[in-house]
PDB file of N, CA and C in Angstrom:
ATOM      1  N   UNK A   1     -15.283  -7.008   9.683  1.00  0.00           N
ATOM      2  CA  UNK A   1     -13.928  -6.723   9.212  1.00  0.00           C
ATOM      3  C   UNK A   1     -13.946  -6.519   7.700  1.00  0.00           C
ATOM      4  N   UNK A   2     -13.156  -5.611   7.235  1.00  0.00           N
ATOM      5  CA  UNK A   2     -13.065  -5.315   5.812  1.00  0.00           C
ATOM      6  C   UNK A   2     -12.395  -6.465   5.083  1.00  0.00           C
ATOM      7  N   UNK A   3     -12.754  -6.607   3.777  1.00  0.00           N
ATOM      8  CA  UNK A   3     -12.008  -7.573   2.980  1.00  0.00           C
ATOM      9  C   UNK A   3     -10.702  -6.910   2.538  1.00  0.00           C
ATOM     10  N   UNK A   4      -9.862  -7.670   1.858  1.00  0.00           N
ATOM     11  CA  UNK A   4      -8.529  -7.177   1.504  1.00  0.00           C
ATOM     12  C   UNK A   4      -8.596  -5.935   0.621  1.00  0.00           C
ATOM     13  N   UNK A   5      -9.473  -5.938  -0.386  1.00  0.00           N
ATOM     14  CA  UNK A   5      -9.570  -4.785  -1.287  1.00  0.00           C
ATOM     15  C   UNK A   5     -10.022  -3.537  -0.540  1.00  0.00           C
ATOM     16  N   UNK A   6     -11.002  -3.681   0.323  1.00  0.00           N
ATOM     17  CA  UNK A   6     -11.480  -2.531   1.095  1.00  0.00           C
ATOM     18  C   UNK A   6     -10.383  -1.994   2.010  1.00  0.00           C
ATOM     19  N   UNK A   7      -9.602  -2.900   2.598  1.00  0.00           N
ATOM     20  CA  UNK A   7      -8.502  -2.485   3.468  1.00  0.00           C
ATOM     21  C   UNK A   7      -7.443  -1.726   2.670  1.00  0.00           C
ATOM     22  N   UNK A   8      -7.095  -2.231   1.471  1.00  0.00           N
ATOM     23  CA  UNK A   8      -6.103  -1.552   0.638  1.00  0.00           C
ATOM     24  C   UNK A   8      -6.591  -0.170   0.221  1.00  0.00           C
ATOM     25  N   UNK A   9      -7.853  -0.080  -0.177  1.00  0.00           N
ATOM     26  CA  UNK A   9      -8.412   1.212  -0.574  1.00  0.00           C
ATOM     27  C   UNK A   9      -8.428   2.206   0.593  1.00  0.00           C
ATOM     28  N   UNK A  10      -8.828   1.729   1.758  1.00  0.00           N
ATOM     29  CA  UNK A  10      -8.872   2.605   2.932  1.00  0.00           C
ATOM     30  C   UNK A  10      -7.468   3.091   3.298  1.00  0.00           C
ATOM     31  N   UNK A  11      -6.490   2.208   3.221  1.00  0.00           N
ATOM     32  CA  UNK A  11      -5.107   2.592   3.528  1.00  0.00           C
ATOM     33  C   UNK A  11      -4.586   3.614   2.525  1.00  0.00           C
ATOM     34  N   UNK A  12      -4.848   3.363   1.237  1.00  0.00           N
ATOM     35  CA  UNK A  12      -4.384   4.276   0.196  1.00  0.00           C
ATOM     36  C   UNK A  12      -5.072   5.628   0.310  1.00  0.00           C
ATOM     37  N   UNK A  13      -6.354   5.606   0.649  1.00  0.00           N
ATOM     38  CA  UNK A  13      -7.084   6.867   0.813  1.00  0.00           C
ATOM     39  C   UNK A  13      -6.504   7.670   1.967  1.00  0.00           C
ATOM     40  N   UNK A  14      -6.209   7.002   3.054  1.00  0.00           N
ATOM     41  CA  UNK A  14      -5.659   7.675   4.224  1.00  0.00           C
ATOM     42  C   UNK A  14      -4.257   8.227   3.946  1.00  0.00           C
ATOM     43  N   UNK A  15      -3.411   7.436   3.302  1.00  0.00           N
ATOM     44  CA  UNK A  15      -2.013   7.826   3.117  1.00  0.00           C
ATOM     45  C   UNK A  15      -1.771   8.721   1.899  1.00  0.00           C
ATOM     46  N   UNK A  16      -2.494   8.473   0.806  1.00  0.00           N
ATOM     47  CA  UNK A  16      -2.224   9.187  -0.436  1.00  0.00           C
ATOM     48  C   UNK A  16      -3.392  10.016  -0.955  1.00  0.00           C
ATOM     49  N   UNK A  17      -4.530   9.933  -0.292  1.00  0.00           N
ATOM     50  CA  UNK A  17      -5.684  10.687  -0.755  1.00  0.00           C
ATOM     51  C   UNK A  17      -6.391  10.062  -1.944  1.00  0.00           C
ATOM     52  N   UNK A  18      -6.120   8.784  -2.220  1.00  0.00           N
ATOM     53  CA  UNK A  18      -6.774   8.090  -3.320  1.00  0.00           C
ATOM     54  C   UNK A  18      -8.219   7.844  -2.925  1.00  0.00           C
ATOM     55  N   UNK A  19      -9.146   8.227  -3.773  1.00  0.00           N
ATOM     56  CA  UNK A  19     -10.562   8.093  -3.460  1.00  0.00           C
ATOM     57  C   UNK A  19     -11.157   6.820  -4.045  1.00  0.00           C
ATOM     58  N   UNK A  20     -12.244   6.361  -3.435  1.00  0.00           N
ATOM     59  CA  UNK A  20     -12.900   5.137  -3.868  1.00  0.00           C
ATOM     60  C   UNK A  20     -13.742   5.310  -5.129  1.00  0.00           C
ATOM     61  N   UNK A  21     -14.086   6.530  -5.483  1.00  0.00           N
ATOM     62  CA  UNK A  21     -15.057   6.728  -6.541  1.00  0.00           C
ATOM     63  C   UNK A  21     -14.617   6.175  -7.902  1.00  0.00           C
ATOM     64  N   UNK A  22     -13.368   5.856  -8.062  1.00  0.00           N
ATOM     65  CA  UNK A  22     -12.862   5.379  -9.343  1.00  0.00           C
ATOM     66  C   UNK A  22     -13.223   3.933  -9.633  1.00  0.00           C
ATOM     67  N   UNK A  23     -13.731   3.216  -8.655  1.00  0.00           N
ATOM     68  CA  UNK A  23     -13.969   1.791  -8.854  1.00  0.00           C
ATOM     69  C   UNK A  23     -15.208   1.311  -8.118  1.00  0.00           C
ATOM     70  N   UNK A  24     -15.760   0.230  -8.616  1.00  0.00           N
ATOM     71  CA  UNK A  24     -16.841  -0.464  -7.934  1.00  0.00           C
ATOM     72  C   UNK A  24     -16.313  -1.843  -7.575  1.00  0.00           C
ATOM     73  N   UNK A  25     -16.062  -2.050  -6.302  1.00  0.00           N
ATOM     74  CA  UNK A  25     -15.429  -3.289  -5.858  1.00  0.00           C
ATOM     75  C   UNK A  25     -16.256  -4.528  -6.179  1.00  0.00           C
ATOM     76  N   UNK A  26     -17.551  -4.359  -6.297  1.00  0.00           N
ATOM     77  CA  UNK A  26     -18.412  -5.520  -6.506  1.00  0.00           C
ATOM     78  C   UNK A  26     -18.289  -6.104  -7.911  1.00  0.00           C
ATOM     79  N   UNK A  27     -17.889  -5.309  -8.893  1.00  0.00           N
ATOM     80  CA  UNK A  27     -17.821  -5.824 -10.265  1.00  0.00           C
ATOM     81  C   UNK A  27     -16.394  -6.047 -10.757  1.00  0.00           C
ATOM     82  N   UNK A  28     -15.407  -5.566 -10.010  1.00  0.00           N
ATOM     83  CA  UNK A  28     -14.017  -5.730 -10.435  1.00  0.00           C
ATOM     84  C   UNK A  28     -13.381  -6.913  -9.730  1.00  0.00           C
ATOM     85  N   UNK A  29     -12.496  -7.584 -10.462  1.00  0.00           N
ATOM     86  CA  UNK A  29     -11.754  -8.683  -9.848  1.00  0.00           C
ATOM     87  C   UNK A  29     -10.696  -8.113  -8.912  1.00  0.00           C
ATOM     88  N   UNK A  30     -10.175  -8.957  -8.060  1.00  0.00           N
ATOM     89  CA  UNK A  30      -9.127  -8.542  -7.134  1.00  0.00           C
ATOM     90  C   UNK A  30      -7.906  -8.026  -7.890  1.00  0.00           C
ATOM     91  N   UNK A  31      -7.574  -8.684  -8.988  1.00  0.00           N
ATOM     92  CA  UNK A  31      -6.417  -8.260  -9.786  1.00  0.00           C
ATOM     93  C   UNK A  31      -6.640  -6.886 -10.401  1.00  0.00           C
ATOM     94  N   UNK A  32      -7.869  -6.621 -10.894  1.00  0.00           N
ATOM     95  CA  UNK A  32      -8.164  -5.320 -11.489  1.00  0.00           C
ATOM     96  C   UNK A  32      -8.095  -4.214 -10.441  1.00  0.00           C
ATOM     97  N   UNK A  33      -8.631  -4.472  -9.269  1.00  0.00           N
ATOM     98  CA  UNK A  33      -8.574  -3.488  -8.190  1.00  0.00           C
ATOM     99  C   UNK A  33      -7.113  -3.214  -7.828  1.00  0.00           C
ATOM    100  N   UNK A  34      -6.327  -4.275  -7.706  1.00  0.00           N
ATOM    101  CA  UNK A  34      -4.920  -4.135  -7.341  1.00  0.00           C
ATOM    102  C   UNK A  34      -4.167  -3.307  -8.384  1.00  0.00           C
ATOM    103  N   UNK A  35      -4.361  -3.625  -9.668  1.00  0.00           N
ATOM    104  CA  UNK A  35      -3.650  -2.909 -10.732  1.00  0.00           C
ATOM    105  C   UNK A  35      -4.054  -1.443 -10.781  1.00  0.00           C
ATOM    106  N   UNK A  36      -5.344  -1.168 -10.689  1.00  0.00           N
ATOM    107  CA  UNK A  36      -5.809   0.218 -10.709  1.00  0.00           C
ATOM    108  C   UNK A  36      -5.274   0.986  -9.509  1.00  0.00           C
ATOM    109  N   UNK A  37      -5.321   0.360  -8.360  1.00  0.00           N
ATOM    110  CA  UNK A  37      -4.838   1.013  -7.155  1.00  0.00           C
ATOM    111  C   UNK A  37      -3.331   1.237  -7.222  1.00  0.00           C
ATOM    112  N   UNK A  38      -2.603   0.260  -7.725  1.00  0.00           N
ATOM    113  CA  UNK A  38      -1.144   0.412  -7.875  1.00  0.00           C
ATOM    114  C   UNK A  38      -0.828   1.597  -8.792  1.00  0.00           C
ATOM    115  N   UNK A  39      -1.556   1.718  -9.890  1.00  0.00           N
ATOM    116  CA  UNK A  39      -1.305   2.821 -10.820  1.00  0.00           C
ATOM    117  C   UNK A  39      -1.638   4.175 -10.193  1.00  0.00           C
ATOM    118  N   UNK A  40      -2.728   4.241  -9.439  1.00  0.00           N
ATOM    119  CA  UNK A  40      -3.091   5.498  -8.775  1.00  0.00           C
ATOM    120  C   UNK A  40      -2.073   5.885  -7.707  1.00  0.00           C
ATOM    121  N   UNK A  41      -1.649   4.907  -6.930  1.00  0.00           N
ATOM    122  CA  UNK A  41      -0.649   5.194  -5.893  1.00  0.00           C
ATOM    123  C   UNK A  41       0.666   5.605  -6.550  1.00  0.00           C
ATOM    124  N   UNK A  42       1.048   4.934  -7.621  1.00  0.00           N
ATOM    125  CA  UNK A  42       2.287   5.286  -8.334  1.00  0.00           C
ATOM    126  C   UNK A  42       2.218   6.712  -8.867  1.00  0.00           C
ATOM    127  N   UNK A  43       1.061   7.109  -9.358  1.00  0.00           N
ATOM    128  CA  UNK A  43       0.883   8.482  -9.835  1.00  0.00           C
ATOM    129  C   UNK A  43       1.121   9.480  -8.703  1.00  0.00           C
ATOM    130  N   UNK A  44       0.531   9.209  -7.537  1.00  0.00           N
ATOM    131  CA  UNK A  44       0.710  10.094  -6.385  1.00  0.00           C
ATOM    132  C   UNK A  44       2.163  10.082  -5.899  1.00  0.00           C
ATOM    133  N   UNK A  45       2.778   8.916  -5.899  1.00  0.00           N
ATOM    134  CA  UNK A  45       4.182   8.821  -5.482  1.00  0.00           C
ATOM    135  C   UNK A  45       5.074   9.596  -6.435  1.00  0.00           C
ATOM    136  N   UNK A  46       4.800   9.493  -7.722  1.00  0.00           N
ATOM    137  CA  UNK A  46       5.611  10.203  -8.705  1.00  0.00           C
ATOM    138  C   UNK A  46       5.520  11.719  -8.486  1.00  0.00           C
ATOM    139  N   UNK A  47       4.339  12.218  -8.186  1.00  0.00           N
ATOM    140  CA  UNK A  47       4.196  13.646  -7.872  1.00  0.00           C
ATOM    141  C   UNK A  47       4.944  13.998  -6.596  1.00  0.00           C
ATOM    142  N   UNK A  48       4.891  13.104  -5.608  1.00  0.00           N
ATOM    143  CA  UNK A  48       5.572  13.356  -4.345  1.00  0.00           C
ATOM    144  C   UNK A  48       7.090  13.316  -4.510  1.00  0.00           C
ATOM    145  N   UNK A  49       7.580  12.496  -5.406  1.00  0.00           N
ATOM    146  CA  UNK A  49       9.022  12.452  -5.662  1.00  0.00           C
ATOM    147  C   UNK A  49       9.527  13.820  -6.122  1.00  0.00           C
ATOM    148  N   UNK A  50       8.704  14.517  -6.897  1.00  0.00           N
ATOM    149  CA  UNK A  50       9.104  15.815  -7.430  1.00  0.00           C
ATOM    150  C   UNK A  50       8.856  16.974  -6.474  1.00  0.00           C
ATOM    151  N   UNK A  51       7.773  16.889  -5.681  1.00  0.00           N
ATOM    152  CA  UNK A  51       7.357  18.061  -4.923  1.00  0.00           C
ATOM    153  C   UNK A  51       7.297  17.877  -3.413  1.00  0.00           C
ATOM    154  N   UNK A  52       7.168  16.646  -2.935  1.00  0.00           N
ATOM    155  CA  UNK A  52       7.018  16.406  -1.496  1.00  0.00           C
ATOM    156  C   UNK A  52       7.825  15.178  -1.066  1.00  0.00           C
ATOM    157  N   UNK A  53       9.101  15.203  -1.364  1.00  0.00           N
ATOM    158  CA  UNK A  53       9.955  14.040  -1.112  1.00  0.00           C
ATOM    159  C   UNK A  53       9.985  13.656   0.369  1.00  0.00           C
ATOM    160  N   UNK A  54      10.085  14.637   1.235  1.00  0.00           N
ATOM    161  CA  UNK A  54      10.118  14.364   2.670  1.00  0.00           C
ATOM    162  C   UNK A  54       8.838  13.711   3.155  1.00  0.00           C
ATOM    163  N   UNK A  55       7.712  14.178   2.669  1.00  0.00           N
ATOM    164  CA  UNK A  55       6.421  13.596   3.044  1.00  0.00           C
ATOM    165  C   UNK A  55       6.313  12.155   2.538  1.00  0.00           C
ATOM    166  N   UNK A  56       6.831  11.909   1.341  1.00  0.00           N
ATOM    167  CA  UNK A  56       6.816  10.548   0.797  1.00  0.00           C
ATOM    168  C   UNK A  56       7.606   9.606   1.699  1.00  0.00           C
ATOM    169  N   UNK A  57       8.801  10.004   2.080  1.00  0.00           N
ATOM    170  CA  UNK A  57       9.614   9.159   2.964  1.00  0.00           C
ATOM    171  C   UNK A  57       8.920   8.936   4.300  1.00  0.00           C
ATOM    172  N   UNK A  58       8.254   9.966   4.791  1.00  0.00           N
ATOM    173  CA  UNK A  58       7.508   9.845   6.046  1.00  0.00           C
ATOM    174  C   UNK A  58       6.372   8.817   5.915  1.00  0.00           C
ATOM    175  N   UNK A  59       5.649   8.848   4.797  1.00  0.00           N
ATOM    176  CA  UNK A  59       4.569   7.884   4.569  1.00  0.00           C
ATOM    177  C   UNK A  59       5.097   6.458   4.455  1.00  0.00           C
ATOM    178  N   UNK A  60       6.216   6.285   3.763  1.00  0.00           N
ATOM    179  CA  UNK A  60       6.796   4.958   3.620  1.00  0.00           C
ATOM    180  C   UNK A  60       7.276   4.431   4.973  1.00  0.00           C
ATOM    181  N   UNK A  61       7.834   5.313   5.786  1.00  0.00           N
ATOM    182  CA  UNK A  61       8.269   4.936   7.130  1.00  0.00           C
ATOM    183  C   UNK A  61       7.066   4.558   7.985  1.00  0.00           C
ATOM    184  N   UNK A  62       6.017   5.371   7.922  1.00  0.00           N
ATOM    185  CA  UNK A  62       4.801   5.115   8.692  1.00  0.00           C
ATOM    186  C   UNK A  62       4.159   3.782   8.295  1.00  0.00           C
ATOM    187  N   UNK A  63       4.240   3.459   7.014  1.00  0.00           N
ATOM    188  CA  UNK A  63       3.676   2.195   6.526  1.00  0.00           C
ATOM    189  C   UNK A  63       4.550   1.009   6.916  1.00  0.00           C
ATOM    190  N   UNK A  64       5.730   1.274   7.476  1.00  0.00           N
ATOM    191  CA  UNK A  64       6.663   0.241   7.937  1.00  0.00           C
ATOM    192  C   UNK A  64       7.231  -0.576   6.782  1.00  0.00           C
ATOM    193  N   UNK A  65       7.602   0.130   5.718  1.00  0.00           N
ATOM    194  CA  UNK A  65       8.234  -0.514   4.570  1.00  0.00           C
ATOM    195  C   UNK A  65       9.739  -0.517   4.809  1.00  0.00           C
ATOM    196  N   UNK A  66      10.356  -1.630   4.542  1.00  0.00           N
ATOM    197  CA  UNK A  66      11.778  -1.801   4.803  1.00  0.00           C
ATOM    198  C   UNK A  66      12.614  -0.724   4.104  1.00  0.00           C
ATOM    199  N   UNK A  67      13.482  -0.080   4.883  1.00  0.00           N
ATOM    200  CA  UNK A  67      14.356   0.958   4.339  1.00  0.00           C
ATOM    201  C   UNK A  67      15.294   0.378   3.282  1.00  0.00           C
ATOM    202  N   UNK A  68      15.712  -0.848   3.471  1.00  0.00           N
ATOM    203  CA  UNK A  68      16.594  -1.501   2.501  1.00  0.00           C
ATOM    204  C   UNK A  68      15.888  -1.636   1.155  1.00  0.00           C
ATOM    205  N   UNK A  69      14.626  -2.038   1.179  1.00  0.00           N
ATOM    206  CA  UNK A  69      13.863  -2.184  -0.064  1.00  0.00           C
ATOM    207  C   UNK A  69      13.619  -0.841  -0.736  1.00  0.00           C
ATOM    208  N   UNK A  70      13.351   0.178   0.064  1.00  0.00           N
ATOM    209  CA  UNK A  70      13.140   1.513  -0.503  1.00  0.00           C
ATOM    210  C   UNK A  70      14.425   2.014  -1.153  1.00  0.00           C
ATOM    211  N   UNK A  71      15.538   1.847  -0.465  1.00  0.00           N
ATOM    212  CA  UNK A  71      16.824   2.282  -1.036  1.00  0.00           C
ATOM    213  C   UNK A  71      17.142   1.543  -2.327  1.00  0.00           C
ATOM    214  N   UNK A  72      16.776   0.257  -2.394  1.00  0.00           N
ATOM    215  CA  UNK A  72      17.029  -0.523  -3.605  1.00  0.00           C
ATOM    216  C   UNK A  72      16.272   0.056  -4.797  1.00  0.00           C
ATOM    217  N   UNK A  73      15.122   0.604  -4.557  1.00  0.00           N
ATOM    218  CA  UNK A  73      14.346   1.218  -5.644  1.00  0.00           C
ATOM    219  C   UNK A  73      15.085   2.414  -6.225  1.00  0.00           C
ATOM    220  N   UNK A  74      15.810   3.148  -5.398  1.00  0.00           N
ATOM    221  CA  UNK A  74      16.488   4.360  -5.841  1.00  0.00           C
ATOM    222  C   UNK A  74      17.887   4.115  -6.379  1.00  0.00           C
ATOM    223  N   UNK A  75      18.494   2.983  -6.061  1.00  0.00           N
ATOM    224  CA  UNK A  75      19.878   2.760  -6.459  1.00  0.00           C
ATOM    225  C   UNK A  75      20.046   2.409  -7.930  1.00  0.00           C
ATOM    226  N   UNK A  76      19.062   1.808  -8.505  1.00  0.00           N
ATOM    227  CA  UNK A  76      19.168   1.432  -9.914  1.00  0.00           C
ATOM    228  C   UNK A  76      18.910   2.656 -10.793  1.00  0.00           C
ATOM    229  N   UNK A  77      19.320   2.553 -12.035  1.00  0.00           N
ATOM    230  CA  UNK A  77      19.073   3.653 -12.974  1.00  0.00           C
ATOM    231  C   UNK A  77      17.685   3.472 -13.573  1.00  0.00           C
ATOM    232  N   UNK A  78      16.713   4.076 -12.910  1.00  0.00           N
ATOM    233  CA  UNK A  78      15.323   3.955 -13.323  1.00  0.00           C
ATOM    234  C   UNK A  78      14.732   5.337 -13.535  1.00  0.00           C
ATOM    235  N   UNK A  79      13.665   5.363 -14.305  1.00  0.00           N
ATOM    236  CA  UNK A  79      12.925   6.607 -14.451  1.00  0.00           C
ATOM    237  C   UNK A  79      12.093   6.830 -13.195  1.00  0.00           C
ATOM    238  N   UNK A  80      11.603   8.044 -13.027  1.00  0.00           N
ATOM    239  CA  UNK A  80      10.786   8.320 -11.847  1.00  0.00           C
ATOM    240  C   UNK A  80       9.501   7.500 -11.881  1.00  0.00           C
ATOM    241  N   UNK A  81       8.988   7.200 -13.056  1.00  0.00           N
ATOM    242  CA  UNK A  81       7.779   6.369 -13.177  1.00  0.00           C
ATOM    243  C   UNK A  81       8.064   4.941 -12.697  1.00  0.00           C
ATOM    244  N   UNK A  82       9.208   4.384 -13.061  1.00  0.00           N
ATOM    245  CA  UNK A  82       9.570   3.036 -12.616  1.00  0.00           C
ATOM    246  C   UNK A  82       9.785   2.999 -11.105  1.00  0.00           C
ATOM    247  N   UNK A  83      10.424   4.034 -10.570  1.00  0.00           N
ATOM    248  CA  UNK A  83      10.628   4.106  -9.116  1.00  0.00           C
ATOM    249  C   UNK A  83       9.283   4.178  -8.417  1.00  0.00           C
ATOM    250  N   UNK A  84       8.379   5.002  -8.947  1.00  0.00           N
ATOM    251  CA  UNK A  84       7.050   5.154  -8.351  1.00  0.00           C
ATOM    252  C   UNK A  84       6.276   3.837  -8.378  1.00  0.00           C
ATOM    253  N   UNK A  85       6.351   3.104  -9.481  1.00  0.00           N
ATOM    254  CA  UNK A  85       5.665   1.807  -9.568  1.00  0.00           C
ATOM    255  C   UNK A  85       6.255   0.811  -8.568  1.00  0.00           C
ATOM    256  N   UNK A  86       7.582   0.799  -8.442  1.00  0.00           N
ATOM    257  CA  UNK A  86       8.227  -0.097  -7.476  1.00  0.00           C
ATOM    258  C   UNK A  86       7.820   0.244  -6.042  1.00  0.00           C
ATOM    259  N   UNK A  87       7.795   1.527  -5.725  1.00  0.00           N
ATOM    260  CA  UNK A  87       7.396   1.945  -4.378  1.00  0.00           C
ATOM    261  C   UNK A  87       5.917   1.630  -4.122  1.00  0.00           C
ATOM    262  N   UNK A  88       5.089   1.783  -5.143  1.00  0.00           N
ATOM    263  CA  UNK A  88       3.663   1.446  -5.000  1.00  0.00           C
ATOM    264  C   UNK A  88       3.499  -0.049  -4.746  1.00  0.00           C
ATOM    265  N   UNK A  89       4.285  -0.868  -5.425  1.00  0.00           N
ATOM    266  CA  UNK A  89       4.251  -2.321  -5.196  1.00  0.00           C
ATOM    267  C   UNK A  89       4.660  -2.646  -3.760  1.00  0.00           C
ATOM    268  N   UNK A  90       5.721  -2.006  -3.284  1.00  0.00           N
ATOM    269  CA  UNK A  90       6.168  -2.231  -1.903  1.00  0.00           C
ATOM    270  C   UNK A  90       5.084  -1.824  -0.916  1.00  0.00           C
ATOM    271  N   UNK A  91       4.461  -0.683  -1.159  1.00  0.00           N
ATOM    272  CA  UNK A  91       3.400  -0.195  -0.275  1.00  0.00           C
ATOM    273  C   UNK A  91       2.230  -1.183  -0.242  1.00  0.00           C
ATOM    274  N   UNK A  92       1.773  -1.603  -1.399  1.00  0.00           N
ATOM    275  CA  UNK A  92       0.634  -2.520  -1.448  1.00  0.00           C
ATOM    276  C   UNK A  92       0.970  -3.876  -0.835  1.00  0.00           C
ATOM    277  N   UNK A  93       2.182  -4.355  -1.072  1.00  0.00           N
ATOM    278  CA  UNK A  93       2.585  -5.635  -0.475  1.00  0.00           C
ATOM    279  C   UNK A  93       2.585  -5.529   1.054  1.00  0.00           C
ATOM    280  N   UNK A  94       3.051  -4.401   1.578  1.00  0.00           N
ATOM    281  CA  UNK A  94       3.065  -4.216   3.029  1.00  0.00           C
ATOM    282  C   UNK A  94       1.653  -4.119   3.591  1.00  0.00           C
ATOM    283  N   UNK A  95       0.771  -3.422   2.896  1.00  0.00           N
ATOM    284  CA  UNK A  95      -0.612  -3.306   3.356  1.00  0.00           C
ATOM    285  C   UNK A  95      -1.322  -4.665   3.316  1.00  0.00           C
ATOM    286  N   UNK A  96      -1.030  -5.472   2.300  1.00  0.00           N
ATOM    287  CA  UNK A  96      -1.605  -6.820   2.247  1.00  0.00           C
ATOM    288  C   UNK A  96      -1.100  -7.669   3.408  1.00  0.00           C
ATOM    289  N   UNK A  97       0.168  -7.523   3.721  1.00  0.00           N
ATOM    290  CA  UNK A  97       0.747  -8.253   4.849  1.00  0.00           C
ATOM    291  C   UNK A  97       0.081  -7.836   6.159  1.00  0.00           C
ATOM    292  N   UNK A  98      -0.147  -6.533   6.337  1.00  0.00           N
ATOM    293  CA  UNK A  98      -0.828  -6.047   7.541  1.00  0.00           C
ATOM    294  C   UNK A  98      -2.243  -6.611   7.624  1.00  0.00           C
ATOM    295  N   UNK A  99      -2.944  -6.634   6.490  1.00  0.00           N
ATOM    296  CA  UNK A  99      -4.320  -7.144   6.482  1.00  0.00           C
ATOM    297  C   UNK A  99      -4.345  -8.623   6.867  1.00  0.00           C
ATOM    298  N   UNK A 100      -3.428  -9.415   6.308  1.00  0.00           N
ATOM    299  CA  UNK A 100      -3.374 -10.842   6.624  1.00  0.00           C
ATOM    300  C   UNK A 100      -3.092 -11.068   8.112  1.00  0.00           C
ATOM    301  N   UNK A 101      -2.179 -10.289   8.661  1.00  0.00           N
ATOM    302  CA  UNK A 101      -1.869 -10.414  10.085  1.00  0.00           C
ATOM    303  C   UNK A 101      -3.079 -10.077  10.942  1.00  0.00           C
ATOM    304  N   UNK A 102      -3.776  -9.023  10.591  1.00  0.00           N
ATOM    305  CA  UNK A 102      -4.974  -8.644  11.345  1.00  0.00           C
ATOM    306  C   UNK A 102      -6.053  -9.710  11.235  1.00  0.00           C
ATOM    307  N   UNK A 103      -6.202 -10.301  10.065  1.00  0.00           N
ATOM    308  CA  UNK A 103      -7.185 -11.375   9.881  1.00  0.00           C
ATOM    309  C   UNK A 103      -6.830 -12.570  10.761  1.00  0.00           C
ATOM    310  N   UNK A 104      -5.566 -12.901  10.784  1.00  0.00           N
ATOM    311  CA  UNK A 104      -5.118 -14.059  11.553  1.00  0.00           C
ATOM    312  C   UNK A 104      -5.406 -13.894  13.043  1.00  0.00           C
ATOM    313  N   UNK A 105      -5.121 -12.704  13.574  1.00  0.00           N
ATOM    314  CA  UNK A 105      -5.294 -12.501  15.007  1.00  0.00           C
ATOM    315  C   UNK A 105      -6.715 -12.146  15.401  1.00  0.00           C
ATOM    316  N   UNK A 106      -7.533 -11.696  14.456  1.00  0.00           N
ATOM    317  CA  UNK A 106      -8.926 -11.385  14.769  1.00  0.00           C
ATOM    318  C   UNK A 106      -9.849 -12.575  14.580  1.00  0.00           C
ATOM    319  N   UNK A 107      -9.442 -13.563  13.804  1.00  0.00           N
ATOM    320  CA  UNK A 107     -10.358 -14.643  13.461  1.00  0.00           C
ATOM    321  C   UNK A 107     -10.238 -15.887  14.339  1.00  0.00           C
ATOM    322  N   UNK A 108      -9.172 -16.056  15.026  1.00  0.00           N
ATOM    323  CA  UNK A 108      -9.029 -17.275  15.824  1.00  0.00           C
ATOM    324  C   UNK A 108      -9.110 -16.962  17.308  1.00  0.00           C
ATOM    325  N   UNK A 109      -9.522 -17.951  18.050  1.00  0.00           N
ATOM    326  CA  UNK A 109      -9.560 -17.797  19.499  1.00  0.00           C
ATOM    327  C   UNK A 109      -8.156 -18.016  20.042  1.00  0.00           C
ATOM    328  N   UNK A 110      -7.674 -17.019  20.717  1.00  0.00           N
ATOM    329  CA  UNK A 110      -6.347 -17.112  21.303  1.00  0.00           C
ATOM    330  C   UNK A 110      -6.514 -17.394  22.783  1.00  0.00           C
ATOM    331  N   UNK A 111      -5.964 -18.508  23.220  1.00  0.00           N
ATOM    332  CA  UNK A 111      -6.064 -18.883  24.613  1.00  0.00           C
ATOM    333  C   UNK A 111      -4.730 -18.634  25.289  1.00  0.00           C
ATOM    334  N   UNK A 112      -4.813 -17.995  26.404  1.00  0.00           N
ATOM    335  CA  UNK A 112      -3.609 -17.710  27.162  1.00  0.00           C
ATOM    336  C   UNK A 112      -3.575 -18.512  28.443  1.00  0.00           C
ATOM    337  N   UNK A 113      -2.626 -18.234  29.280  1.00  0.00           N
ATOM    338  CA  UNK A 113      -2.481 -18.913  30.548  1.00  0.00           C
ATOM    339  C   UNK A 113      -3.669 -18.680  31.483  1.00  0.00           C
ATOM    340  N   UNK A 114      -4.360 -17.581  31.305  1.00  0.00           N
ATOM    341  CA  UNK A 114      -5.450 -17.234  32.207  1.00  0.00           C
ATOM    342  C   UNK A 114      -6.763 -17.926  31.846  1.00  0.00           C
ATOM    343  N   UNK A 115      -6.826 -18.628  30.694  1.00  0.00           N
ATOM    344  CA  UNK A 115      -8.070 -19.325  30.294  1.00  0.00           C
ATOM    345  C   UNK A 115      -8.251 -20.627  31.008  1.00  0.00           C
TER     346      UNK A 115
END
């Protein structure tokens, strides 16, 4: 099973086209990987806000990010860069939540009625 950083990178690569070549996971701390990835995703989101808004909403929906939280990002008077950073934070938080859930259900023995 992938560690959290590898899972976040794989998710970002799949959804936003962010490539791994920008970082070496073995020498960077978790915080550095998170910050770099957040900035790269925010950059892609900011471009999508201007040119591919429908695709951006589709990706956020596919990632299962709360519509209420997404709307909150747009309701305030923010620059497109601030909106992009907020959406990137929401995306990464959701991907971390998915990774934790997968770890929980893959790592323990689940016994059912049939055991």
